[in-house]
């Protein structure tokens, strides 16, 4: 199922965010993965889902194969 992250784009554009297991709740954010991990660990979240919010939204249609 697709997850709508447009609310992340509005607030965290161009930043790294650490999300809870629900992939919606932000537990930490910052300019680097290390910064996000440090902040998340201080809040007792050892394994956040890491995501870099893009600087701009670009439409994507299709897929890819490995």
PDB file of N, CA and C in Angstrom:
ATOM      1  N   UNK A   1       0.838  -1.176   0.000  1.00  0.00           N
ATOM      2  CA  UNK A   1       0.000   0.000   0.000  1.00  0.00           C
ATOM      3  C   UNK A   1       0.891   1.250   0.000  1.00  0.00           C
ATOM      4  N   UNK A   2       0.526   2.216  -0.793  1.00  0.00           N
ATOM      5  CA  UNK A   2       1.300   3.450  -0.902  1.00  0.00           C
ATOM      6  C   UNK A   2       1.129   4.307   0.354  1.00  0.00           C
ATOM      7  N   UNK A   3       2.179   5.035   0.692  1.00  0.00           N
ATOM      8  CA  UNK A   3       2.157   5.936   1.847  1.00  0.00           C
ATOM      9  C   UNK A   3       2.295   7.362   1.337  1.00  0.00           C
ATOM     10  N   UNK A   4       1.426   8.242   1.803  1.00  0.00           N
ATOM     11  CA  UNK A   4       1.454   9.644   1.396  1.00  0.00           C
ATOM     12  C   UNK A   4       2.429  10.405   2.293  1.00  0.00           C
ATOM     13  N   UNK A   5       3.573  10.804   1.730  1.00  0.00           N
ATOM     14  CA  UNK A   5       4.581  11.545   2.486  1.00  0.00           C
ATOM     15  C   UNK A   5       4.595  13.029   2.116  1.00  0.00           C
ATOM     16  N   UNK A   6       3.509  13.542   1.532  1.00  0.00           N
ATOM     17  CA  UNK A   6       3.498  14.953   1.156  1.00  0.00           C
ATOM     18  C   UNK A   6       3.610  15.859   2.376  1.00  0.00           C
ATOM     19  N   UNK A   7       3.102  15.412   3.537  1.00  0.00           N
ATOM     20  CA  UNK A   7       3.229  16.236   4.736  1.00  0.00           C
ATOM     21  C   UNK A   7       4.691  16.336   5.163  1.00  0.00           C
ATOM     22  N   UNK A   8       5.483  15.304   4.869  1.00  0.00           N
ATOM     23  CA  UNK A   8       6.916  15.361   5.163  1.00  0.00           C
ATOM     24  C   UNK A   8       7.600  16.389   4.267  1.00  0.00           C
ATOM     25  N   UNK A   9       7.187  16.443   3.015  1.00  0.00           N
ATOM     26  CA  UNK A   9       7.796  17.368   2.071  1.00  0.00           C
ATOM     27  C   UNK A   9       7.612  18.815   2.517  1.00  0.00           C
ATOM     28  N   UNK A  10       6.437  19.144   2.988  1.00  0.00           N
ATOM     29  CA  UNK A  10       6.144  20.523   3.394  1.00  0.00           C
ATOM     30  C   UNK A  10       7.030  20.988   4.540  1.00  0.00           C
ATOM     31  N   UNK A  11       7.294  20.110   5.487  1.00  0.00           N
ATOM     32  CA  UNK A  11       8.021  20.505   6.703  1.00  0.00           C
ATOM     33  C   UNK A  11       9.508  20.167   6.678  1.00  0.00           C
ATOM     34  N   UNK A  12       9.887  19.082   5.997  1.00  0.00           N
ATOM     35  CA  UNK A  12      11.259  18.574   6.080  1.00  0.00           C
ATOM     36  C   UNK A  12      11.975  18.532   4.733  1.00  0.00           C
ATOM     37  N   UNK A  13      11.617  19.378   3.825  1.00  0.00           N
ATOM     38  CA  UNK A  13      12.194  19.412   2.478  1.00  0.00           C
ATOM     39  C   UNK A  13      13.729  19.398   2.527  1.00  0.00           C
ATOM     40  N   UNK A  14      14.331  18.431   1.811  1.00  0.00           N
ATOM     41  CA  UNK A  14      15.785  18.346   1.706  1.00  0.00           C
ATOM     42  C   UNK A  14      16.495  17.786   2.921  1.00  0.00           C
ATOM     43  N   UNK A  15      15.751  17.326   3.919  1.00  0.00           N
ATOM     44  CA  UNK A  15      16.363  16.812   5.146  1.00  0.00           C
ATOM     45  C   UNK A  15      16.196  15.301   5.257  1.00  0.00           C
ATOM     46  N   UNK A  16      16.983  14.713   6.138  1.00  0.00           N
ATOM     47  CA  UNK A  16      16.821  13.313   6.506  1.00  0.00           C
ATOM     48  C   UNK A  16      15.843  13.251   7.663  1.00  0.00           C
ATOM     49  N   UNK A  17      14.949  12.267   7.633  1.00  0.00           N
ATOM     50  CA  UNK A  17      14.026  12.050   8.737  1.00  0.00           C
ATOM     51  C   UNK A  17      14.122  10.600   9.199  1.00  0.00           C
ATOM     52  N   UNK A  18      13.879  10.403  10.478  1.00  0.00           N
ATOM     53  CA  UNK A  18      13.772   9.071  11.063  1.00  0.00           C
ATOM     54  C   UNK A  18      12.321   8.848  11.439  1.00  0.00           C
ATOM     55  N   UNK A  19      11.746   7.775  10.949  1.00  0.00           N
ATOM     56  CA  UNK A  19      10.324   7.501  11.150  1.00  0.00           C
ATOM     57  C   UNK A  19      10.130   6.297  12.057  1.00  0.00           C
ATOM     58  N   UNK A  20       8.990   6.280  12.746  1.00  0.00           N
ATOM     59  CA  UNK A  20       8.589   5.089  13.506  1.00  0.00           C
ATOM     60  C   UNK A  20       8.253   3.973  12.531  1.00  0.00           C
ATOM     61  N   UNK A  21       7.936   2.809  13.062  1.00  0.00           N
ATOM     62  CA  UNK A  21       7.606   1.649  12.237  1.00  0.00           C
ATOM     63  C   UNK A  21       6.358   1.872  11.386  1.00  0.00           C
ATOM     64  N   UNK A  22       5.516   2.832  11.763  1.00  0.00           N
ATOM     65  CA  UNK A  22       4.310   3.103  10.975  1.00  0.00           C
ATOM     66  C   UNK A  22       4.620   3.866   9.683  1.00  0.00           C
ATOM     67  N   UNK A  23       5.879   4.270   9.501  1.00  0.00           N
ATOM     68  CA  UNK A  23       6.349   5.014   8.329  1.00  0.00           C
ATOM     69  C   UNK A  23       5.660   6.363   8.150  1.00  0.00           C
ATOM     70  N   UNK A  24       5.102   6.909   9.224  1.00  0.00           N
ATOM     71  CA  UNK A  24       4.419   8.197   9.165  1.00  0.00           C
ATOM     72  C   UNK A  24       4.876   9.159  10.253  1.00  0.00           C
ATOM     73  N   UNK A  25       5.181   8.636  11.430  1.00  0.00           N
ATOM     74  CA  UNK A  25       5.512   9.463  12.580  1.00  0.00           C
ATOM     75  C   UNK A  25       7.004   9.776  12.617  1.00  0.00           C
ATOM     76  N   UNK A  26       7.341  11.056  12.562  1.00  0.00           N
ATOM     77  CA  UNK A  26       8.742  11.490  12.599  1.00  0.00           C
ATOM     78  C   UNK A  26       9.231  11.486  14.041  1.00  0.00           C
ATOM     79  N   UNK A  27      10.350  10.775  14.278  1.00  0.00           N
ATOM     80  CA  UNK A  27      10.949  10.773  15.617  1.00  0.00           C
ATOM     81  C   UNK A  27      12.181  11.659  15.672  1.00  0.00           C
ATOM     82  N   UNK A  28      12.799  11.933  14.524  1.00  0.00           N
ATOM     83  CA  UNK A  28      13.980  12.796  14.472  1.00  0.00           C
ATOM     84  C   UNK A  28      14.181  13.282  13.043  1.00  0.00           C
ATOM     85  N   UNK A  29      14.864  14.414  12.903  1.00  0.00           N
ATOM     86  CA  UNK A  29      15.187  14.933  11.578  1.00  0.00           C
ATOM     87  C   UNK A  29      16.484  15.718  11.670  1.00  0.00           C
ATOM     88  N   UNK A  30      17.150  15.867  10.522  1.00  0.00           N
ATOM     89  CA  UNK A  30      18.401  16.614  10.494  1.00  0.00           C
ATOM     90  C   UNK A  30      19.011  16.622   9.110  1.00  0.00           C
ATOM     91  N   UNK A  31      20.206  17.204   9.037  1.00  0.00           N
ATOM     92  CA  UNK A  31      20.893  17.347   7.767  1.00  0.00           C
ATOM     93  C   UNK A  31      21.697  16.134   7.350  1.00  0.00           C
ATOM     94  N   UNK A  32      21.870  15.171   8.258  1.00  0.00           N
ATOM     95  CA  UNK A  32      22.641  13.974   7.924  1.00  0.00           C
ATOM     96  C   UNK A  32      22.043  12.754   8.625  1.00  0.00           C
ATOM     97  N   UNK A  33      22.399  11.585   8.126  1.00  0.00           N
ATOM     98  CA  UNK A  33      21.944  10.337   8.737  1.00  0.00           C
ATOM     99  C   UNK A  33      22.471  10.240  10.168  1.00  0.00           C
ATOM    100  N   UNK A  34      23.730  10.608  10.372  1.00  0.00           N
ATOM    101  CA  UNK A  34      24.329  10.522  11.706  1.00  0.00           C
ATOM    102  C   UNK A  34      23.573  11.398  12.707  1.00  0.00           C
ATOM    103  N   UNK A  35      23.217  12.595  12.290  1.00  0.00           N
ATOM    104  CA  UNK A  35      22.475  13.502  13.173  1.00  0.00           C
ATOM    105  C   UNK A  35      21.113  12.918  13.540  1.00  0.00           C
ATOM    106  N   UNK A  36      20.419  12.363  12.542  1.00  0.00           N
ATOM    107  CA  UNK A  36      19.107  11.768  12.793  1.00  0.00           C
ATOM    108  C   UNK A  36      19.237  10.573  13.730  1.00  0.00           C
ATOM    109  N   UNK A  37      20.222   9.723  13.500  1.00  0.00           N
ATOM    110  CA  UNK A  37      20.413   8.554  14.359  1.00  0.00           C
ATOM    111  C   UNK A  37      20.723   8.965  15.791  1.00  0.00           C
ATOM    112  N   UNK A  38      21.568   9.975  15.989  1.00  0.00           N
ATOM    113  CA  UNK A  38      21.878  10.454  17.343  1.00  0.00           C
ATOM    114  C   UNK A  38      20.624  10.954  18.052  1.00  0.00           C
ATOM    115  N   UNK A  39      19.826  11.755  17.354  1.00  0.00           N
ATOM    116  CA  UNK A  39      18.597  12.292  17.943  1.00  0.00           C
ATOM    117  C   UNK A  39      17.600  11.175  18.256  1.00  0.00           C
ATOM    118  N   UNK A  40      17.472  10.215  17.341  1.00  0.00           N
ATOM    119  CA  UNK A  40      16.536   9.107  17.544  1.00  0.00           C
ATOM    120  C   UNK A  40      16.955   8.253  18.741  1.00  0.00           C
ATOM    121  N   UNK A  41      18.252   7.981  18.853  1.00  0.00           N
ATOM    122  CA  UNK A  41      18.732   7.163  19.978  1.00  0.00           C
ATOM    123  C   UNK A  41      18.496   7.856  21.310  1.00  0.00           C
ATOM    124  N   UNK A  42      18.623   9.172  21.338  1.00  0.00           N
ATOM    125  CA  UNK A  42      18.343   9.920  22.570  1.00  0.00           C
ATOM    126  C   UNK A  42      16.874   9.803  22.973  1.00  0.00           C
ATOM    127  N   UNK A  43      16.022   9.569  21.991  1.00  0.00           N
ATOM    128  CA  UNK A  43      14.590   9.396  22.252  1.00  0.00           C
ATOM    129  C   UNK A  43      14.215   7.918  22.389  1.00  0.00           C
ATOM    130  N   UNK A  44      15.234   7.046  22.475  1.00  0.00           N
ATOM    131  CA  UNK A  44      15.050   5.599  22.660  1.00  0.00           C
ATOM    132  C   UNK A  44      14.509   4.879  21.432  1.00  0.00           C
ATOM    133  N   UNK A  45      14.751   5.428  20.240  1.00  0.00           N
ATOM    134  CA  UNK A  45      14.412   4.754  18.991  1.00  0.00           C
ATOM    135  C   UNK A  45      15.715   4.296  18.358  1.00  0.00           C
ATOM    136  N   UNK A  46      16.033   3.029  18.525  1.00  0.00           N
ATOM    137  CA  UNK A  46      17.308   2.493  18.058  1.00  0.00           C
ATOM    138  C   UNK A  46      17.351   2.250  16.553  1.00  0.00           C
ATOM    139  N   UNK A  47      16.211   1.951  15.953  1.00  0.00           N
ATOM    140  CA  UNK A  47      16.181   1.576  14.541  1.00  0.00           C
ATOM    141  C   UNK A  47      15.069   2.316  13.785  1.00  0.00           C
ATOM    142  N   UNK A  48      15.191   3.628  13.628  1.00  0.00           N
ATOM    143  CA  UNK A  48      14.170   4.339  12.862  1.00  0.00           C
ATOM    144  C   UNK A  48      14.276   4.010  11.372  1.00  0.00           C
ATOM    145  N   UNK A  49      13.184   4.187  10.674  1.00  0.00           N
ATOM    146  CA  UNK A  49      13.184   4.066   9.225  1.00  0.00           C
ATOM    147  C   UNK A  49      13.732   5.386   8.686  1.00  0.00           C
ATOM    148  N   UNK A  50      14.842   5.342   7.952  1.00  0.00           N
ATOM    149  CA  UNK A  50      15.475   6.557   7.449  1.00  0.00           C
ATOM    150  C   UNK A  50      14.977   6.888   6.049  1.00  0.00           C
ATOM    151  N   UNK A  51      14.745   8.173   5.824  1.00  0.00           N
ATOM    152  CA  UNK A  51      14.233   8.626   4.541  1.00  0.00           C
ATOM    153  C   UNK A  51      14.733  10.037   4.297  1.00  0.00           C
ATOM    154  N   UNK A  52      15.266  10.279   3.107  1.00  0.00           N
ATOM    155  CA  UNK A  52      15.656  11.643   2.747  1.00  0.00           C
ATOM    156  C   UNK A  52      14.528  12.252   1.935  1.00  0.00           C
ATOM    157  N   UNK A  53      13.978  13.331   2.456  1.00  0.00           N
ATOM    158  CA  UNK A  53      12.874  14.022   1.794  1.00  0.00           C
ATOM    159  C   UNK A  53      13.459  14.793   0.617  1.00  0.00           C
ATOM    160  N   UNK A  54      12.924  14.627  -0.569  1.00  0.00           N
ATOM    161  CA  UNK A  54      13.493  15.306  -1.741  1.00  0.00           C
ATOM    162  C   UNK A  54      13.348  16.827  -1.656  1.00  0.00           C
ATOM    163  N   UNK A  55      14.195  17.521  -2.415  1.00  0.00           N
ATOM    164  CA  UNK A  55      14.128  18.983  -2.469  1.00  0.00           C
ATOM    165  C   UNK A  55      12.915  19.460  -3.256  1.00  0.00           C
ATOM    166  N   UNK A  56      12.512  18.654  -4.239  1.00  0.00           N
ATOM    167  CA  UNK A  56      11.305  18.987  -5.005  1.00  0.00           C
ATOM    168  C   UNK A  56      10.610  17.698  -5.409  1.00  0.00           C
ATOM    169  N   UNK A  57       9.317  17.796  -5.608  1.00  0.00           N
ATOM    170  CA  UNK A  57       8.532  16.631  -5.992  1.00  0.00           C
ATOM    171  C   UNK A  57       8.570  16.496  -7.513  1.00  0.00           C
ATOM    172  N   UNK A  58       9.030  15.338  -7.967  1.00  0.00           N
ATOM    173  CA  UNK A  58       9.123  15.050  -9.394  1.00  0.00           C
ATOM    174  C   UNK A  58       8.222  13.857  -9.681  1.00  0.00           C
ATOM    175  N   UNK A  59       7.312  13.981 -10.629  1.00  0.00           N
ATOM    176  CA  UNK A  59       6.422  12.858 -10.940  1.00  0.00           C
ATOM    177  C   UNK A  59       7.210  11.628 -11.399  1.00  0.00           C
ATOM    178  N   UNK A  60       6.748  10.460 -10.994  1.00  0.00           N
ATOM    179  CA  UNK A  60       7.385   9.207 -11.405  1.00  0.00           C
ATOM    180  C   UNK A  60       6.288   8.259 -11.854  1.00  0.00           C
ATOM    181  N   UNK A  61       6.462   7.707 -13.028  1.00  0.00           N
ATOM    182  CA  UNK A  61       5.514   6.733 -13.561  1.00  0.00           C
ATOM    183  C   UNK A  61       6.327   5.544 -14.028  1.00  0.00           C
ATOM    184  N   UNK A  62       5.932   4.360 -13.601  1.00  0.00           N
ATOM    185  CA  UNK A  62       6.617   3.163 -14.067  1.00  0.00           C
ATOM    186  C   UNK A  62       7.352   2.471 -12.944  1.00  0.00           C
ATOM    187  N   UNK A  63       8.313   1.686 -13.308  1.00  0.00           N
ATOM    188  CA  UNK A  63       9.067   0.915 -12.342  1.00  0.00           C
ATOM    189  C   UNK A  63      10.438   0.588 -12.892  1.00  0.00           C
ATOM    190  N   UNK A  64      11.108  -0.321 -12.230  1.00  0.00           N
ATOM    191  CA  UNK A  64      12.423  -0.746 -12.683  1.00  0.00           C
ATOM    192  C   UNK A  64      12.630  -2.199 -12.282  1.00  0.00           C
ATOM    193  N   UNK A  65      13.588  -2.812 -12.918  1.00  0.00           N
ATOM    194  CA  UNK A  65      13.944  -4.196 -12.599  1.00  0.00           C
ATOM    195  C   UNK A  65      15.399  -4.254 -12.205  1.00  0.00           C
ATOM    196  N   UNK A  66      15.692  -5.164 -11.332  1.00  0.00           N
ATOM    197  CA  UNK A  66      17.088  -5.398 -10.941  1.00  0.00           C
ATOM    198  C   UNK A  66      17.656  -6.545 -11.708  1.00  0.00           C
TER     199      UNK A  66
END
